[in-house]
Amino acid sequence: MLEFSSPGMNTWAEAAKPKSLFGMLSKMSPGWLINTWQKRFFILQDGVLYWSTSAVTAVVGPEGLPGLRGRVDLIANPGCTVTFDAPTNQFSLRPPEGGWLTHGFTGAEQGRVITLDAGGKDPSREQWVEALHAHMAYAAKVRVASRGAKGIPPGTAKGEPPHRGAASAGAKEPELNATEAAKAAHRNQVEARRAAEARRADPLIRDATEAEIVASLMGPRPSEILREELDAEEILCQ
């Protein structure tokens, strides 16, 4: 059974519960060679079908059911179905596609079908089938309410994460607070200063132009020769 953490959800679940049903039914046993029938006392309560060897109580309390032999949780097994087995008084509770999700009885792991016979007594087969449908509808509402209480989008399978489609594609990056923005700006300034210093430190290397090559072949210019002669004369006069 699903539990609600919200008191409001618990109140809703209590108000929406369908009526319980109880009575004796014959259940087909999972025999290896020949299927036999066993008399069992059944209780359909709060979206769960119980059966027991004892009929001492018609209500399943916190302490459980005396003589419990099996149970099917309709809330935990979405997609299970109930069918009439005409023209007899029999009906069957069939597992969801893929098998039972809980294993509360013999053969559940193998996808066993629970075949029951009302024997023409009250409650009748029609009453049991109608009650099972009501409890299945209640189970579906409980699953939807439980997903909503946990923040899971409707239609998301149990244990499956929400699809990251258009919502995630259009999601914006989280905005930085003032402190983080200031730190980011400071880091950018430091990186820019370091890049500028690295450019200044690197020597500028390039190929000489044609004019520079011709000038180097012609030797010193006259102005440079005159300056050198004047420097030489100044040295001699000292």
Protein backbone atom coordinates (compact mmCIF):
# COMPACT_ATOMS: atom_id res chain seq x y z
CA MET A 1 0.00 0.00 0.00
CA LEU A 2 1.16 3.51 -0.76
CA GLU A 3 1.55 5.84 2.19
CA PHE A 4 0.89 9.59 2.05
CA SER A 5 3.04 12.01 4.00
CA SER A 6 0.47 14.80 3.75
CA PRO A 7 -2.46 14.72 6.21
CA GLY A 8 -4.66 16.16 3.48
CA MET A 9 -3.81 13.30 1.16
CA ASN A 10 -4.63 10.78 3.88
CA THR A 11 -8.03 12.45 4.39
CA TRP A 12 -8.74 12.28 0.66
CA ALA A 13 -7.71 8.62 0.48
CA GLU A 14 -9.99 7.71 3.38
CA ALA A 15 -12.94 9.54 1.83
CA ALA A 16 -12.41 7.98 -1.62
CA LYS A 17 -12.12 4.36 -0.45
CA PRO A 18 -14.72 2.03 -1.96
CA LYS A 19 -16.70 -0.36 0.21
CA SER A 20 -15.01 -3.53 1.36
CA LEU A 21 -16.31 -6.95 0.36
CA PHE A 22 -15.73 -10.30 2.03
CA GLY A 23 -16.92 -13.88 1.71
CA MET A 24 -15.99 -17.48 0.92
CA LEU A 25 -14.68 -18.34 -2.54
CA SER A 26 -13.17 -21.41 -4.12
CA LYS A 27 -9.67 -20.74 -5.45
CA MET A 28 -7.93 -22.86 -8.05
CA SER A 29 -4.63 -24.06 -6.62
CA PRO A 30 -1.44 -24.01 -8.74
CA GLY A 31 -1.04 -27.78 -9.00
CA TRP A 32 1.78 -29.35 -10.97
CA LEU A 33 -0.39 -31.89 -12.83
CA ILE A 34 -3.99 -31.44 -11.70
CA ASN A 35 -5.52 -28.18 -10.53
CA THR A 36 -7.62 -28.57 -7.41
CA TRP A 37 -9.99 -26.17 -5.69
CA GLN A 38 -9.47 -24.76 -2.20
CA LYS A 39 -12.00 -22.95 0.00
CA ARG A 40 -10.62 -19.63 1.19
CA PHE A 41 -12.02 -16.61 3.01
CA PHE A 42 -11.49 -13.47 0.86
CA ILE A 43 -11.45 -9.81 1.89
CA LEU A 44 -11.28 -6.95 -0.63
CA GLN A 45 -10.24 -3.86 1.31
CA ASP A 46 -8.51 -0.57 0.44
CA GLY A 47 -7.38 -1.73 -3.00
CA VAL A 48 -5.96 -5.06 -1.78
CA LEU A 49 -7.44 -8.56 -2.17
CA TYR A 50 -6.56 -10.88 0.73
CA TRP A 51 -7.33 -14.57 1.24
CA SER A 52 -7.01 -16.62 4.38
CA THR A 53 -7.73 -20.06 5.81
CA SER A 54 -9.53 -18.40 8.73
CA ALA A 55 -12.77 -16.41 8.78
CA VAL A 56 -12.43 -14.94 12.26
CA THR A 57 -12.53 -11.31 11.06
CA ALA A 58 -13.87 -9.34 8.11
CA VAL A 59 -11.45 -6.42 8.52
CA VAL A 60 -7.70 -6.41 7.96
CA GLY A 61 -6.12 -4.36 10.74
CA PRO A 62 -2.55 -3.14 11.37
CA GLU A 63 -1.68 -6.52 12.87
CA GLY A 64 -2.56 -8.26 9.58
CA LEU A 65 -4.98 -11.03 8.74
CA PRO A 66 -4.96 -14.30 10.74
CA GLY A 67 -4.21 -17.32 8.55
CA LEU A 68 -3.19 -15.15 5.59
CA ARG A 69 -2.32 -17.26 2.52
CA GLY A 70 -1.96 -14.61 -0.16
CA ARG A 71 -2.72 -11.09 -1.31
CA VAL A 72 -2.85 -9.01 -4.48
CA ASP A 73 -2.12 -5.29 -4.14
CA LEU A 74 -4.11 -3.57 -6.89
CA ILE A 75 -2.38 -0.25 -6.22
CA ALA A 76 1.09 -1.72 -6.77
CA ASN A 77 -0.02 -3.68 -9.86
CA PRO A 78 -1.43 -1.21 -12.39
CA GLY A 79 -2.88 -2.87 -15.45
CA CYS A 80 -4.23 -6.05 -13.83
CA THR A 81 -7.66 -7.09 -15.10
CA VAL A 82 -10.65 -9.15 -13.96
CA THR A 83 -12.64 -11.29 -16.39
CA PHE A 84 -15.78 -13.43 -16.34
CA ASP A 85 -15.28 -17.11 -17.09
CA ALA A 86 -18.70 -17.81 -18.64
CA PRO A 87 -20.95 -19.68 -18.37
CA THR A 88 -19.85 -20.74 -14.89
CA ASN A 89 -19.72 -18.80 -11.62
CA GLN A 90 -15.99 -18.40 -12.07
CA PHE A 91 -13.96 -15.23 -12.65
CA SER A 92 -10.25 -14.55 -12.93
CA LEU A 93 -7.83 -11.87 -11.76
CA ARG A 94 -5.11 -11.55 -14.38
CA PRO A 95 -1.65 -9.94 -14.01
CA PRO A 96 -0.56 -6.76 -15.79
CA GLU A 97 1.35 -7.07 -19.03
CA GLY A 98 4.82 -8.14 -17.96
CA GLY A 99 3.66 -9.96 -14.85
CA TRP A 100 2.87 -9.17 -11.23
CA LEU A 101 4.96 -6.40 -9.73
CA THR A 102 4.47 -7.76 -6.20
CA HIS A 103 4.78 -11.41 -5.20
CA GLY A 104 2.25 -11.91 -2.42
CA PHE A 105 1.17 -15.43 -3.35
CA THR A 106 2.45 -18.71 -4.79
CA GLY A 107 3.14 -18.52 -8.51
CA ALA A 108 3.18 -14.74 -8.74
CA GLU A 109 6.71 -14.80 -10.18
CA GLN A 110 5.43 -16.96 -13.04
CA GLY A 111 2.49 -14.64 -13.78
CA ARG A 112 -0.16 -16.90 -12.27
CA VAL A 113 -3.81 -16.11 -12.97
CA ILE A 114 -6.00 -16.14 -9.84
CA THR A 115 -9.09 -18.14 -10.82
CA LEU A 116 -12.03 -17.98 -8.37
CA ASP A 117 -15.48 -19.50 -8.13
CA ALA A 118 -18.36 -17.87 -6.24
CA GLY A 119 -20.37 -21.11 -6.33
CA GLY A 120 -23.65 -19.30 -6.90
CA LYS A 121 -23.67 -17.87 -3.37
CA ASP A 122 -23.54 -14.35 -1.97
CA PRO A 123 -21.55 -12.36 -2.63
CA SER A 124 -22.15 -13.39 -6.22
CA ARG A 125 -19.61 -13.43 -9.00
CA GLU A 126 -21.07 -10.20 -10.38
CA GLN A 127 -20.71 -8.50 -6.99
CA TRP A 128 -17.06 -9.56 -6.71
CA VAL A 129 -16.23 -8.37 -10.22
CA GLU A 130 -18.01 -5.05 -9.68
CA ALA A 131 -16.17 -4.54 -6.38
CA LEU A 132 -12.81 -5.42 -7.97
CA HIS A 133 -13.42 -2.83 -10.70
CA ALA A 134 -14.27 -0.21 -8.05
CA HIS A 135 -11.09 -0.97 -6.10
CA MET A 136 -9.01 -0.90 -9.31
CA ALA A 137 -10.38 2.58 -10.07
CA TYR A 138 -9.55 3.64 -6.51
CA ALA A 139 -6.03 2.20 -6.93
CA ALA A 140 -5.50 4.26 -10.09
CA LYS A 141 -6.54 7.47 -8.28
CA VAL A 142 -4.20 6.66 -5.39
CA ARG A 143 -1.27 6.21 -7.80
CA VAL A 144 -1.97 9.55 -9.50
CA ALA A 145 -2.32 11.36 -6.16
CA SER A 146 0.86 9.75 -4.86
CA ARG A 147 2.87 10.88 -7.89
CA GLY A 148 1.53 14.41 -7.53
CA ALA A 149 2.46 14.49 -3.83
CA LYS A 150 6.00 13.44 -4.70
CA GLY A 151 6.35 15.98 -7.52
CA ILE A 152 6.40 13.33 -10.27
CA PRO A 153 4.72 14.46 -13.51
CA PRO A 154 1.52 12.54 -14.38
CA GLY A 155 2.12 9.70 -16.83
CA THR A 156 5.63 9.02 -15.56
CA ALA A 157 6.20 5.37 -14.80
CA LYS A 158 7.34 4.31 -11.36
CA GLY A 159 11.11 4.79 -10.95
CA GLU A 160 11.39 6.49 -14.32
CA PRO A 161 12.93 10.02 -14.38
CA PRO A 162 10.97 12.81 -16.11
CA HIS A 163 11.80 13.25 -19.80
CA ARG A 164 14.26 16.04 -20.49
CA GLY A 165 12.80 17.36 -23.69
CA ALA A 166 11.76 20.87 -24.56
CA ALA A 167 11.73 21.90 -20.91
CA SER A 168 15.42 21.20 -20.46
CA ALA A 169 16.30 22.50 -23.93
CA GLY A 170 14.82 25.88 -23.12
CA ALA A 171 16.15 26.02 -19.58
CA LYS A 172 18.36 28.99 -18.76
CA GLU A 173 21.68 28.82 -17.01
CA PRO A 174 21.39 29.78 -13.33
CA GLU A 175 22.17 33.44 -12.74
CA LEU A 176 25.24 34.30 -10.65
CA ASN A 177 24.82 36.29 -7.47
CA ALA A 178 26.70 39.57 -6.94
CA THR A 179 29.71 37.96 -5.24
CA GLU A 180 30.16 35.31 -7.91
CA ALA A 181 29.76 37.92 -10.67
CA ALA A 182 32.46 40.12 -9.08
CA LYS A 183 34.81 37.14 -8.83
CA ALA A 184 34.22 36.26 -12.47
CA ALA A 185 34.91 39.85 -13.59
CA HIS A 186 38.14 39.91 -11.56
CA ARG A 187 39.30 36.64 -13.11
CA ASN A 188 38.66 38.04 -16.60
CA GLN A 189 40.68 41.18 -15.81
CA VAL A 190 43.60 39.15 -14.50
CA GLU A 191 43.61 36.93 -17.58
CA ALA A 192 43.50 39.98 -19.90
CA ARG A 193 46.40 41.65 -18.05
CA ARG A 194 48.49 38.50 -18.20
CA ALA A 195 47.83 38.15 -21.92
CA ALA A 196 48.90 41.79 -22.53
CA GLU A 197 52.11 41.30 -20.52
CA ALA A 198 52.92 38.17 -22.47
CA ARG A 199 52.52 40.04 -25.76
CA ARG A 200 54.86 42.82 -24.59
CA ALA A 201 57.48 40.34 -23.43
CA ASP A 202 57.60 38.43 -26.69
CA PRO A 203 60.09 39.95 -29.24
CA LEU A 204 58.64 41.11 -32.51
CA ILE A 205 60.14 38.97 -35.24
CA ARG A 206 59.50 39.75 -38.91
CA ASP A 207 61.22 39.58 -42.28
CA ALA A 208 63.25 42.65 -43.44
CA THR A 209 61.68 44.78 -46.14
CA GLU A 210 63.30 45.21 -49.56
CA ALA A 211 64.28 48.85 -48.75
CA GLU A 212 65.99 47.73 -45.54
CA ILE A 213 67.97 45.09 -47.45
CA VAL A 214 69.15 47.64 -50.12
CA ALA A 215 70.17 50.14 -47.44
CA SER A 216 72.26 47.52 -45.66
CA LEU A 217 74.12 46.70 -48.91
CA MET A 218 74.93 50.40 -49.62
CA GLY A 219 76.76 50.85 -46.35
CA PRO A 220 76.47 53.78 -43.91
CA ARG A 221 74.62 56.87 -45.12
CA PRO A 222 76.61 60.17 -45.58
CA SER A 223 75.06 61.68 -42.51
CA GLU A 224 76.24 58.75 -40.44
CA ILE A 225 79.77 59.01 -41.96
CA LEU A 226 79.93 62.77 -41.15
CA ARG A 227 78.79 62.13 -37.57
CA GLU A 228 81.48 59.48 -37.15
CA GLU A 229 84.19 61.88 -38.51
CA LEU A 230 83.12 64.66 -36.15
CA ASP A 231 83.25 62.24 -33.24
CA ALA A 232 86.74 61.20 -34.29
CA GLU A 233 87.97 64.78 -34.49
CA GLU A 234 86.55 65.56 -31.08
CA ILE A 235 88.47 62.63 -29.62
CA LEU A 236 91.77 63.78 -31.26
CA CYS A 237 91.37 67.32 -29.98
CA GLN A 238 91.04 66.24 -26.41
